Amino acid sequence: IQKAHIVGISMGGMIAQLVAANYANRVLSLICFATSSGEPKLPPAKPEVMNFFFSPKRKSENMSDYVDDKIA
């Protein structure tokens, strides 16, 4: 693969940032979710974001119900 779109979430987002920094000529785009550069001066995540990621998993019959539960 000569060039790629890079996507990462959480630690994967941090790894994606390193890939983009070290191989910028091979990265078409970079999308990071729920990640940070590690800069301590950055503001913390909002409580509603933390609640979304750390809320207990609900037993859903299917993916559509699970998504509906998470965005409700």
N, C-alpha and C. Protein backbone atom coordinates (compact mmCIF):
# COMPACT_ATOMS: atom_id res chain seq x y z
N ILE A 1 0.86 -1.17 0.00
CA ILE A 1 0.00 0.00 0.00
C ILE A 1 0.90 1.23 0.00
N GLN A 2 0.77 2.03 -1.02
CA GLN A 2 1.61 3.22 -1.13
C GLN A 2 1.11 4.38 -0.27
N LYS A 3 -0.22 4.57 -0.25
CA LYS A 3 -0.83 5.65 0.54
C LYS A 3 -2.14 5.14 1.10
N ALA A 4 -2.52 5.68 2.27
CA ALA A 4 -3.74 5.20 2.91
C ALA A 4 -4.38 6.30 3.75
N HIS A 5 -5.68 6.14 3.98
CA HIS A 5 -6.41 6.94 4.95
C HIS A 5 -6.23 6.21 6.28
N ILE A 6 -5.87 6.93 7.33
CA ILE A 6 -5.58 6.33 8.63
C ILE A 6 -6.66 6.74 9.62
N VAL A 7 -7.23 5.77 10.32
CA VAL A 7 -8.26 6.01 11.33
C VAL A 7 -7.87 5.26 12.60
N GLY A 8 -8.03 5.90 13.76
CA GLY A 8 -7.74 5.23 15.01
C GLY A 8 -8.63 5.75 16.12
N ILE A 9 -8.90 4.89 17.10
CA ILE A 9 -9.68 5.27 18.27
C ILE A 9 -8.89 4.93 19.52
N SER A 10 -8.93 5.81 20.48
CA SER A 10 -8.23 5.64 21.75
C SER A 10 -6.74 5.44 21.48
N MET A 11 -6.16 4.37 21.98
CA MET A 11 -4.73 4.14 21.76
C MET A 11 -4.42 4.02 20.26
N GLY A 12 -5.34 3.45 19.49
CA GLY A 12 -5.15 3.36 18.05
C GLY A 12 -5.05 4.74 17.42
N GLY A 13 -5.75 5.72 17.97
CA GLY A 13 -5.64 7.10 17.50
C GLY A 13 -4.28 7.69 17.78
N MET A 14 -3.72 7.32 18.93
CA MET A 14 -2.39 7.79 19.26
C MET A 14 -1.35 7.16 18.33
N ILE A 15 -1.53 5.89 18.03
CA ILE A 15 -0.65 5.21 17.08
C ILE A 15 -0.80 5.82 15.69
N ALA A 16 -2.03 6.13 15.31
CA ALA A 16 -2.28 6.75 14.00
C ALA A 16 -1.57 8.10 13.90
N GLN A 17 -1.53 8.85 15.00
CA GLN A 17 -0.82 10.13 15.00
C GLN A 17 0.67 9.90 14.75
N LEU A 18 1.24 8.88 15.36
CA LEU A 18 2.66 8.57 15.14
C LEU A 18 2.92 8.16 13.69
N VAL A 19 2.01 7.35 13.14
CA VAL A 19 2.15 6.94 11.74
C VAL A 19 2.13 8.18 10.85
N ALA A 20 1.18 9.08 11.09
CA ALA A 20 1.06 10.29 10.27
C ALA A 20 2.29 11.18 10.42
N ALA A 21 2.81 11.28 11.63
CA ALA A 21 3.99 12.12 11.85
C ALA A 21 5.24 11.54 11.19
N ASN A 22 5.37 10.23 11.25
CA ASN A 22 6.57 9.58 10.73
C ASN A 22 6.51 9.24 9.25
N TYR A 23 5.31 9.15 8.69
CA TYR A 23 5.14 8.76 7.29
C TYR A 23 4.13 9.67 6.59
N ALA A 24 4.26 10.96 6.80
CA ALA A 24 3.30 11.93 6.27
C ALA A 24 3.11 11.81 4.76
N ASN A 25 4.16 11.45 4.06
CA ASN A 25 4.06 11.34 2.60
C ASN A 25 3.22 10.15 2.15
N ARG A 26 2.88 9.25 3.08
CA ARG A 26 2.08 8.07 2.72
C ARG A 26 0.66 8.14 3.28
N VAL A 27 0.35 9.20 4.03
CA VAL A 27 -0.96 9.34 4.67
C VAL A 27 -1.83 10.30 3.86
N LEU A 28 -2.97 9.80 3.38
CA LEU A 28 -3.91 10.62 2.64
C LEU A 28 -4.76 11.48 3.57
N SER A 29 -5.16 10.90 4.71
CA SER A 29 -5.93 11.63 5.70
C SER A 29 -5.76 10.93 7.04
N LEU A 30 -6.05 11.66 8.12
CA LEU A 30 -5.93 11.13 9.47
C LEU A 30 -7.19 11.48 10.24
N ILE A 31 -7.84 10.46 10.82
CA ILE A 31 -9.01 10.67 11.67
C ILE A 31 -8.75 9.96 12.98
N CYS A 32 -8.83 10.72 14.08
CA CYS A 32 -8.61 10.15 15.42
C CYS A 32 -9.85 10.40 16.27
N PHE A 33 -10.29 9.36 16.96
CA PHE A 33 -11.44 9.45 17.87
C PHE A 33 -10.96 9.14 19.28
N ALA A 34 -11.46 9.88 20.25
CA ALA A 34 -11.20 9.61 21.66
C ALA A 34 -9.71 9.40 21.92
N THR A 35 -8.92 10.34 21.45
CA THR A 35 -7.48 10.23 21.61
C THR A 35 -6.91 11.60 21.94
N SER A 36 -5.67 11.62 22.28
CA SER A 36 -5.04 12.87 22.67
C SER A 36 -3.56 12.81 22.31
N SER A 37 -2.96 13.97 22.25
CA SER A 37 -1.51 14.04 22.01
C SER A 37 -0.75 13.76 23.30
N GLY A 38 -1.45 13.77 24.41
CA GLY A 38 -0.80 13.59 25.70
C GLY A 38 -0.39 14.91 26.35
N GLU A 39 -0.66 16.01 25.68
CA GLU A 39 -0.31 17.33 26.22
C GLU A 39 -1.11 17.59 27.50
N PRO A 40 -0.43 17.72 28.65
CA PRO A 40 -1.14 17.89 29.93
C PRO A 40 -1.91 19.21 30.03
N LYS A 41 -1.59 20.19 29.20
CA LYS A 41 -2.28 21.48 29.27
C LYS A 41 -3.63 21.46 28.54
N LEU A 42 -3.92 20.39 27.81
CA LEU A 42 -5.20 20.29 27.12
C LEU A 42 -6.32 20.09 28.13
N PRO A 43 -7.53 20.59 27.83
CA PRO A 43 -8.65 20.38 28.76
C PRO A 43 -9.06 18.90 28.77
N PRO A 44 -9.62 18.44 29.90
CA PRO A 44 -10.06 17.04 29.96
C PRO A 44 -11.31 16.82 29.12
N ALA A 45 -11.62 15.56 28.87
CA ALA A 45 -12.84 15.21 28.14
C ALA A 45 -14.06 15.65 28.93
N LYS A 46 -15.12 16.00 28.21
CA LYS A 46 -16.36 16.39 28.86
C LYS A 46 -16.98 15.18 29.56
N PRO A 47 -17.68 15.40 30.69
CA PRO A 47 -18.29 14.28 31.42
C PRO A 47 -19.21 13.42 30.56
N GLU A 48 -19.99 14.04 29.65
CA GLU A 48 -20.91 13.25 28.82
C GLU A 48 -20.14 12.33 27.87
N VAL A 49 -18.97 12.75 27.44
CA VAL A 49 -18.14 11.90 26.59
C VAL A 49 -17.61 10.71 27.40
N MET A 50 -17.12 10.99 28.60
CA MET A 50 -16.61 9.92 29.47
C MET A 50 -17.73 8.94 29.81
N ASN A 51 -18.93 9.46 30.10
CA ASN A 51 -20.07 8.59 30.41
C ASN A 51 -20.41 7.69 29.23
N PHE A 52 -20.33 8.24 28.02
CA PHE A 52 -20.63 7.45 26.83
C PHE A 52 -19.67 6.26 26.72
N PHE A 53 -18.38 6.53 26.86
CA PHE A 53 -17.39 5.47 26.67
C PHE A 53 -17.33 4.49 27.83
N PHE A 54 -17.64 4.95 29.04
CA PHE A 54 -17.49 4.06 30.19
C PHE A 54 -18.81 3.60 30.81
N SER A 55 -19.93 3.87 30.12
CA SER A 55 -21.22 3.39 30.62
C SER A 55 -21.28 1.87 30.47
N PRO A 56 -22.01 1.22 31.37
CA PRO A 56 -22.11 -0.24 31.26
C PRO A 56 -22.71 -0.66 29.92
N LYS A 57 -22.26 -1.77 29.42
CA LYS A 57 -22.83 -2.28 28.17
C LYS A 57 -24.23 -2.80 28.45
N ARG A 58 -25.13 -2.48 27.57
CA ARG A 58 -26.50 -2.96 27.71
C ARG A 58 -26.68 -4.20 26.86
N LYS A 59 -27.51 -5.08 27.32
CA LYS A 59 -27.80 -6.28 26.53
C LYS A 59 -28.85 -5.92 25.49
N SER A 60 -28.42 -5.86 24.26
CA SER A 60 -29.31 -5.50 23.17
C SER A 60 -29.49 -6.70 22.26
N GLU A 61 -30.64 -6.77 21.68
CA GLU A 61 -30.95 -7.87 20.77
C GLU A 61 -30.16 -7.77 19.47
N ASN A 62 -29.91 -6.54 19.02
CA ASN A 62 -29.20 -6.38 17.76
C ASN A 62 -28.41 -5.08 17.76
N MET A 63 -27.61 -4.88 16.74
CA MET A 63 -26.75 -3.70 16.67
C MET A 63 -27.55 -2.41 16.66
N SER A 64 -28.67 -2.38 15.95
CA SER A 64 -29.49 -1.18 15.89
C SER A 64 -29.98 -0.77 17.28
N ASP A 65 -30.44 -1.75 18.08
CA ASP A 65 -30.89 -1.45 19.44
C ASP A 65 -29.74 -0.96 20.30
N TYR A 66 -28.55 -1.56 20.13
CA TYR A 66 -27.37 -1.17 20.90
C TYR A 66 -27.01 0.29 20.59
N VAL A 67 -27.01 0.65 19.32
CA VAL A 67 -26.70 2.03 18.93
C VAL A 67 -27.74 2.98 19.49
N ASP A 68 -29.01 2.62 19.39
CA ASP A 68 -30.08 3.45 19.95
C ASP A 68 -29.88 3.66 21.44
N ASP A 69 -29.49 2.61 22.16
CA ASP A 69 -29.23 2.73 23.61
C ASP A 69 -28.08 3.69 23.88
N LYS A 70 -27.02 3.61 23.09
CA LYS A 70 -25.83 4.43 23.33
C LYS A 70 -26.06 5.89 23.01
N ILE A 71 -26.92 6.21 22.05
CA ILE A 71 -27.13 7.62 21.70
C ILE A 71 -28.30 8.24 22.43
N ALA A 72 -29.03 7.44 23.18
CA ALA A 72 -30.19 7.97 23.90
C ALA A 72 -29.77 8.81 25.08
